[in-house]
Protein backbone atom coordinates (compact mmCIF):
# COMPACT_ATOMS: atom_id res chain seq x y z
CA MET A 1 45.88 135.48 6.39
CA LYS A 2 48.79 134.80 8.73
CA TRP A 3 47.41 131.36 9.43
CA PHE A 4 47.82 130.52 5.70
CA TYR A 5 51.45 131.61 5.69
CA ASP A 6 52.12 129.66 8.86
CA MET A 7 50.97 126.42 7.24
CA LYS A 8 53.50 124.00 5.82
CA ILE A 9 53.92 123.83 2.02
CA GLY A 10 52.23 120.43 1.79
CA ALA A 11 49.16 121.65 3.65
CA ARG A 12 48.98 124.78 1.47
CA LEU A 13 49.14 122.68 -1.69
CA ILE A 14 46.42 120.34 -0.44
CA THR A 15 44.24 123.33 0.49
CA ALA A 16 44.79 124.90 -2.94
CA PHE A 17 43.96 121.63 -4.74
CA VAL A 18 40.80 121.18 -2.66
CA ILE A 19 39.69 124.73 -3.50
CA VAL A 20 40.43 124.25 -7.21
CA GLY A 21 38.62 120.89 -7.14
CA ALA A 22 35.57 122.46 -5.51
CA ILE A 23 35.50 125.24 -8.12
CA THR A 24 35.84 122.65 -10.90
CA ALA A 25 33.00 120.58 -9.44
CA ILE A 26 30.73 123.64 -9.26
CA VAL A 27 31.51 124.62 -12.86
CA GLY A 28 30.98 121.01 -14.02
CA TYR A 29 27.62 120.80 -12.24
CA MET A 30 26.50 124.06 -13.83
CA GLY A 31 27.66 122.80 -17.24
CA ILE A 32 25.75 119.53 -16.95
CA ASN A 33 22.58 121.39 -15.95
CA SER A 34 23.03 123.75 -18.91
CA MET A 35 23.38 120.80 -21.29
CA GLY A 36 19.92 119.65 -20.25
CA ASN A 37 18.62 123.13 -21.06
CA ILE A 38 20.37 123.06 -24.43
CA ALA A 39 18.75 119.72 -25.29
CA GLU A 40 15.29 121.09 -24.46
CA LEU A 41 15.92 124.23 -26.53
CA ALA A 42 17.18 122.18 -29.48
CA ALA A 43 14.07 119.98 -29.42
CA SER A 44 11.86 123.05 -29.21
CA SER A 45 13.70 124.72 -32.08
CA TYR A 46 13.36 121.57 -34.19
CA ALA A 47 9.65 121.34 -33.48
CA ASN A 48 9.01 125.02 -34.19
CA GLN A 49 11.31 125.62 -37.14
CA THR A 50 12.33 122.46 -38.98
CA LEU A 51 8.97 120.71 -39.07
CA GLY A 52 7.54 123.70 -40.94
CA ILE A 53 10.03 123.06 -43.73
CA ALA A 54 8.88 119.44 -43.94
CA TYR A 55 5.26 120.56 -44.18
CA ILE A 56 6.11 123.02 -46.95
CA LYS A 57 7.94 120.26 -48.86
CA GLN A 58 4.92 117.97 -48.55
CA ALA A 59 2.63 120.75 -49.78
CA ASP A 60 4.92 121.24 -52.80
CA VAL A 61 4.83 117.50 -53.56
CA ASP A 62 1.04 117.49 -53.25
CA LEU A 63 0.82 120.48 -55.60
CA ILE A 64 3.04 118.81 -58.19
CA VAL A 65 0.95 115.61 -58.03
CA SER A 66 -2.22 117.65 -58.41
CA VAL A 67 -0.89 119.57 -61.42
CA ARG A 68 0.35 116.41 -63.09
CA SER A 69 -2.94 114.61 -62.58
CA SER A 70 -4.94 117.55 -63.91
CA HIS A 71 -2.56 117.78 -66.88
CA LEU A 72 -3.09 114.08 -67.59
CA ASP A 73 -6.85 114.54 -67.31
CA TRP A 74 -6.63 117.41 -69.82
CA LYS A 75 -4.69 115.22 -72.26
CA ARG A 76 -7.32 112.47 -71.93
CA VAL A 77 -10.10 114.93 -72.69
CA SER A 78 -8.25 116.47 -75.62
CA ASN A 79 -7.55 113.03 -77.13
CA ARG A 80 -11.29 112.16 -77.03
CA CYS A 81 -12.57 115.44 -78.42
CA PRO A 82 -11.13 116.49 -81.80
CA LEU A 83 -12.27 120.12 -81.31
CA VAL A 84 -10.02 120.65 -78.30
CA SER A 85 -6.41 121.03 -79.29
């Protein structure tokens, strides 16, 4: 450690900035790689979770259309036949 104390102030500052810059570069590289992971996980979560909600909504719409059409068919039959009320 004596060699560090024997260095001039300018050289110590440059060494410290280089070390801090290297640490920052490593952390930045790790962060960028993690962002790629996050994007993959978000796409997977969307495909596994959110699309199910869309399918349920479509099933509900199909059910409503089916009920309405059967209700309309029932009204047509009841209008033709006076015994059905």
